[in-house]
Amino acid sequence: MIDRRAETGGRTGRLLRTVTGGPLVTHALIAACALVFVVSPLSGFHPVPGGADALLAAQAGYFERWGVIPSELWDGSAHALLTPFTALFVHGSWLHLLGNVLFLYVFGAMTEERMGRVGFTFFYVISGYLALVAYAAAHATSDQTLVGASGAISAVLGAFLYLFPRARVTSLFPFLFFLPLRFPAWIVLVFWFVLQWLAVQGAGSGGPGVAYLAHVVGFALGFLYAWGRYRRTDRVKAPAAATEGESQP
């Protein structure tokens, strides 16, 4: 997790969050993603009559209705053009959902406070929409359905990197036996971006699977937006103290 005290001015920052009600948009986005998943046929809470085959058919139909199908996105229909928005709230599994909302929870709150609620809302939706469209353009003939908030959340990570380059996060690295280590956010986020970029190169001939390209595009959009919007204002550069909790890069 991030040490918010050093990044927001200690007592003043806590008072400001109390007055403004905190990162309501971030919390609302997390709640919306969770609610959409819980009511979907993927959560396991809603048995489908007809056994496993009927459940798989219901899940496939759900993805086709609300997810992005690259080969259909360019037909110009209103439904197809809306799917990059609806897909931001659809997830394929509990693990997919929890991984995304964890990153949004860790990095979204401070980014929202910096941008403001309205600005953050438009930034999140537009960046996520464009990231999914970019992925669909790169796989224009694919019939595989694309869902998830990863593109939008990647944009939040990119913006956070520019806005709070010296914030510290505590991360768990599997290849270091899950030892919790504290690093400046820029190291964690640049490392994450490099992994996504390498994954894009490795998946280049294998067709779409995990939408690494949407991650890369979203991250770049977020960083460039923050750079263009805030480069003439002071970024938060105060070093952070000890962190609380963990986040996985």
Protein backbone atom coordinates (compact mmCIF):
# COMPACT_ATOMS: atom_id res chain seq x y z
CA MET A 1 0.00 0.00 0.00
CA ILE A 2 0.97 3.65 -0.29
CA ASP A 3 1.90 5.97 2.55
CA ARG A 4 -0.68 8.68 1.92
CA ARG A 5 0.40 10.89 4.81
CA ALA A 6 3.66 12.01 3.26
CA GLU A 7 2.02 12.61 -0.11
CA THR A 8 -0.87 14.77 1.11
CA GLY A 9 0.66 16.86 3.82
CA GLY A 10 -0.07 14.81 6.95
CA ARG A 11 -2.78 16.35 9.12
CA THR A 12 -3.85 18.82 6.42
CA GLY A 13 -4.29 16.00 3.92
CA ARG A 14 -6.37 13.94 6.34
CA LEU A 15 -8.58 16.96 7.09
CA LEU A 16 -9.06 17.61 3.36
CA ARG A 17 -10.14 14.01 2.77
CA THR A 18 -12.58 14.24 5.69
CA VAL A 19 -14.15 17.44 4.32
CA THR A 20 -14.41 16.18 0.75
CA GLY A 21 -15.62 12.72 1.68
CA GLY A 22 -12.62 10.84 0.36
CA PRO A 23 -12.16 9.17 -3.02
CA LEU A 24 -15.83 8.52 -3.71
CA VAL A 25 -15.36 7.82 -7.42
CA THR A 26 -12.68 5.20 -6.78
CA HIS A 27 -14.88 3.48 -4.22
CA ALA A 28 -17.91 3.71 -6.52
CA LEU A 29 -15.98 2.15 -9.40
CA ILE A 30 -14.85 -0.71 -7.18
CA ALA A 31 -18.39 -1.23 -5.94
CA ALA A 32 -19.79 -1.14 -9.48
CA CYS A 33 -17.30 -3.74 -10.73
CA ALA A 34 -18.04 -5.98 -7.75
CA LEU A 35 -21.82 -5.64 -8.12
CA VAL A 36 -21.74 -6.36 -11.85
CA PHE A 37 -19.70 -9.48 -11.24
CA VAL A 38 -21.87 -10.73 -8.39
CA VAL A 39 -25.05 -10.54 -10.50
CA SER A 40 -23.36 -12.14 -13.52
CA PRO A 41 -23.44 -15.88 -14.34
CA LEU A 42 -19.68 -15.96 -13.62
CA SER A 43 -19.89 -15.43 -9.86
CA GLY A 44 -21.34 -18.83 -9.03
CA PHE A 45 -24.17 -17.27 -7.01
CA HIS A 46 -26.82 -17.89 -9.67
CA PRO A 47 -27.23 -21.54 -10.69
CA VAL A 48 -28.25 -22.00 -14.32
CA PRO A 49 -30.73 -24.82 -15.06
CA GLY A 50 -29.33 -27.37 -17.47
CA GLY A 51 -25.98 -28.22 -15.97
CA ALA A 52 -22.46 -27.26 -16.98
CA ASP A 53 -23.20 -26.83 -20.69
CA ALA A 54 -26.02 -24.38 -19.97
CA LEU A 55 -23.78 -22.44 -17.57
CA LEU A 56 -21.01 -22.16 -20.17
CA ALA A 57 -23.55 -21.01 -22.77
CA ALA A 58 -24.89 -18.36 -20.36
CA GLN A 59 -21.38 -17.13 -19.62
CA ALA A 60 -20.49 -16.95 -23.32
CA GLY A 61 -23.69 -15.03 -24.06
CA TYR A 62 -22.94 -12.64 -21.21
CA PHE A 63 -19.47 -11.91 -22.59
CA GLU A 64 -20.79 -11.44 -26.12
CA ARG A 65 -23.44 -9.00 -24.95
CA TRP A 66 -21.29 -6.80 -22.71
CA GLY A 67 -17.71 -7.40 -23.89
CA VAL A 68 -15.75 -6.07 -26.85
CA ILE A 69 -15.56 -8.35 -29.89
CA PRO A 70 -12.85 -6.78 -32.09
CA SER A 71 -14.22 -8.15 -35.37
CA GLU A 72 -17.64 -6.59 -34.65
CA LEU A 73 -16.48 -3.27 -33.20
CA TRP A 74 -16.05 -1.65 -36.60
CA ASP A 75 -19.52 -2.46 -37.97
CA GLY A 76 -20.74 0.91 -36.69
CA SER A 77 -23.65 -0.38 -34.62
CA ALA A 78 -24.54 1.52 -31.47
CA HIS A 79 -24.25 -1.63 -29.38
CA ALA A 80 -20.75 -2.43 -30.65
CA LEU A 81 -19.54 1.12 -30.02
CA LEU A 82 -20.91 0.97 -26.48
CA THR A 83 -19.14 -2.27 -25.55
CA PRO A 84 -15.72 -0.68 -24.78
CA PHE A 85 -17.54 1.15 -22.00
CA THR A 86 -19.60 -1.76 -20.66
CA ALA A 87 -16.58 -4.07 -20.82
CA LEU A 88 -14.83 -1.90 -18.22
CA PHE A 89 -17.19 -3.30 -15.58
CA VAL A 90 -17.18 -6.96 -16.65
CA HIS A 91 -14.64 -9.47 -15.33
CA GLY A 92 -14.00 -13.08 -16.17
CA SER A 93 -13.36 -14.51 -12.71
CA TRP A 94 -13.02 -13.66 -9.05
CA LEU A 95 -9.24 -13.51 -9.46
CA HIS A 96 -9.56 -11.14 -12.43
CA LEU A 97 -11.90 -8.89 -10.44
CA LEU A 98 -9.87 -8.86 -7.22
CA GLY A 99 -6.58 -8.18 -9.00
CA ASN A 100 -8.04 -5.19 -10.82
CA VAL A 101 -9.85 -3.62 -7.87
CA LEU A 102 -6.76 -4.04 -5.68
CA PHE A 103 -4.70 -1.91 -8.06
CA LEU A 104 -7.55 0.59 -8.36
CA TYR A 105 -7.88 0.82 -4.59
CA VAL A 106 -4.13 1.31 -4.04
CA PHE A 107 -3.45 3.84 -6.81
CA GLY A 108 -6.86 5.33 -7.58
CA ALA A 109 -7.55 7.28 -4.39
CA MET A 110 -4.59 9.66 -4.57
CA THR A 111 -4.96 10.07 -8.33
CA GLU A 112 -8.63 10.98 -7.87
CA GLU A 113 -7.79 13.50 -5.15
CA ARG A 114 -5.23 15.12 -7.46
CA MET A 115 -7.53 15.27 -10.50
CA GLY A 116 -10.83 15.89 -8.73
CA ARG A 117 -13.86 13.63 -8.92
CA VAL A 118 -15.27 14.83 -12.23
CA GLY A 119 -11.88 14.96 -13.92
CA PHE A 120 -10.94 11.53 -12.62
CA THR A 121 -14.23 10.03 -13.78
CA PHE A 122 -13.80 11.26 -17.35
CA PHE A 123 -10.12 10.32 -17.32
CA TYR A 124 -10.88 6.76 -16.17
CA VAL A 125 -13.70 6.11 -18.62
CA ILE A 126 -12.11 7.72 -21.68
CA SER A 127 -8.69 6.16 -21.10
CA GLY A 128 -10.23 2.74 -20.53
CA TYR A 129 -12.40 3.08 -23.63
CA LEU A 130 -9.46 4.08 -25.82
CA ALA A 131 -7.24 1.30 -24.45
CA LEU A 132 -9.83 -1.33 -25.39
CA VAL A 133 -10.38 0.22 -28.81
CA ALA A 134 -6.62 0.20 -29.42
CA TYR A 135 -6.47 -3.50 -28.55
CA ALA A 136 -9.42 -4.20 -30.83
CA ALA A 137 -7.76 -2.30 -33.67
CA ALA A 138 -4.61 -4.39 -33.31
CA HIS A 139 -6.68 -7.60 -33.41
CA ALA A 140 -9.37 -6.43 -35.81
CA THR A 141 -10.24 -9.91 -37.10
CA SER A 142 -10.45 -11.59 -33.71
CA ASP A 143 -13.72 -13.04 -32.44
CA GLN A 144 -12.44 -13.38 -28.87
CA THR A 145 -14.27 -11.25 -26.34
CA LEU A 146 -12.37 -8.65 -24.34
CA VAL A 147 -13.56 -7.64 -20.86
CA GLY A 148 -12.11 -6.02 -17.76
CA ALA A 149 -11.06 -2.71 -16.28
CA SER A 150 -7.33 -3.33 -16.83
CA GLY A 151 -6.93 -0.67 -19.52
CA ALA A 152 -8.52 2.03 -17.38
CA ILE A 153 -6.62 0.98 -14.26
CA SER A 154 -3.39 0.93 -16.24
CA ALA A 155 -4.10 4.55 -17.14
CA VAL A 156 -4.46 5.30 -13.43
CA LEU A 157 -1.05 3.70 -12.85
CA GLY A 158 0.51 5.80 -15.60
CA ALA A 159 -0.95 9.01 -14.20
CA PHE A 160 0.14 8.05 -10.69
CA LEU A 161 3.71 7.53 -11.89
CA TYR A 162 3.86 11.09 -13.18
CA LEU A 163 1.96 12.73 -10.33
CA PHE A 164 3.56 10.91 -7.39
CA PRO A 165 6.97 9.67 -8.56
CA ARG A 166 8.45 9.43 -5.07
CA ALA A 167 5.58 7.81 -3.24
CA ARG A 168 6.55 4.50 -1.66
CA VAL A 169 4.67 1.25 -1.98
CA THR A 170 5.10 -2.07 -0.20
CA SER A 171 5.11 -4.90 -2.71
CA LEU A 172 5.24 -8.69 -2.58
CA PHE A 173 7.47 -10.32 -5.20
CA PRO A 174 6.83 -14.05 -5.76
CA PHE A 175 10.36 -14.67 -7.05
CA LEU A 176 11.68 -13.28 -3.73
CA PHE A 177 9.55 -15.72 -1.70
CA PHE A 178 6.84 -13.06 -1.22
CA LEU A 179 9.14 -10.98 0.94
CA PRO A 180 7.50 -7.54 1.51
CA LEU A 181 9.79 -4.80 0.26
CA ARG A 182 9.32 -1.04 0.08
CA PHE A 183 10.21 0.76 -3.14
CA PRO A 184 9.54 4.15 -4.69
CA ALA A 185 6.38 3.89 -6.77
CA TRP A 186 8.26 4.74 -9.96
CA ILE A 187 10.38 1.59 -9.64
CA VAL A 188 7.35 -0.66 -9.10
CA LEU A 189 5.32 0.95 -11.90
CA VAL A 190 8.15 1.05 -14.43
CA PHE A 191 8.89 -2.62 -13.63
CA TRP A 192 5.20 -3.44 -14.14
CA PHE A 193 5.12 -1.54 -17.46
CA VAL A 194 8.22 -3.34 -18.75
CA LEU A 195 6.61 -6.70 -17.93
CA GLN A 196 3.50 -5.71 -19.87
CA TRP A 197 5.58 -4.54 -22.83
CA LEU A 198 7.59 -7.77 -22.90
CA ALA A 199 4.35 -9.74 -22.70
CA VAL A 200 3.01 -7.83 -25.71
CA GLN A 201 6.10 -8.78 -27.71
CA GLY A 202 5.82 -12.41 -26.67
CA ALA A 203 2.12 -12.57 -27.53
CA GLY A 204 2.56 -10.94 -30.90
CA SER A 205 2.15 -14.12 -32.92
CA GLY A 206 -0.14 -15.96 -30.60
CA GLY A 207 -3.29 -13.94 -31.00
CA PRO A 208 -5.22 -12.23 -28.23
CA GLY A 209 -5.32 -13.68 -24.74
CA VAL A 210 -4.61 -11.46 -21.77
CA ALA A 211 -4.95 -7.93 -23.14
CA TYR A 212 -1.39 -6.81 -22.45
CA LEU A 213 -1.57 -4.32 -25.28
CA ALA A 214 -4.54 -2.61 -23.60
CA HIS A 215 -2.42 -2.38 -20.44
CA VAL A 216 0.45 -0.74 -22.31
CA VAL A 217 -1.81 1.68 -24.18
CA GLY A 218 -3.74 2.58 -21.03
CA PHE A 219 -0.55 3.19 -19.06
CA ALA A 220 0.89 5.40 -21.82
CA LEU A 221 -2.36 7.35 -22.11
CA GLY A 222 -2.47 7.95 -18.37
CA PHE A 223 1.13 9.09 -18.15
CA LEU A 224 0.84 11.37 -21.19
CA TYR A 225 -2.42 12.88 -19.95
CA ALA A 226 -0.92 13.65 -16.54
CA TRP A 227 2.20 15.07 -18.18
CA GLY A 228 0.17 17.30 -20.49
CA ARG A 229 -2.31 18.37 -17.83
CA TYR A 230 -0.01 18.87 -14.85
CA ARG A 231 3.48 19.52 -16.22
CA ARG A 232 3.14 23.24 -15.47
CA THR A 233 2.15 22.58 -11.88
CA ASP A 234 4.19 21.11 -9.07
CA ARG A 235 4.11 17.37 -8.73
CA VAL A 236 4.12 15.83 -5.27
CA LYS A 237 7.75 15.08 -4.51
CA ALA A 238 7.81 14.65 -0.75
CA PRO A 239 9.47 11.37 0.21
CA ALA A 240 7.22 8.90 1.95
CA ALA A 241 7.71 7.27 5.34
CA ALA A 242 6.87 3.70 6.30
CA THR A 243 4.00 2.10 4.42
CA GLU A 244 1.12 0.00 5.65
CA GLY A 245 -0.12 -3.17 3.98
CA GLU A 246 0.93 -4.80 0.75
CA SER A 247 0.15 -4.60 -2.95
CA GLN A 248 1.19 -6.99 -5.68
CA PRO A 249 2.93 -5.50 -8.75
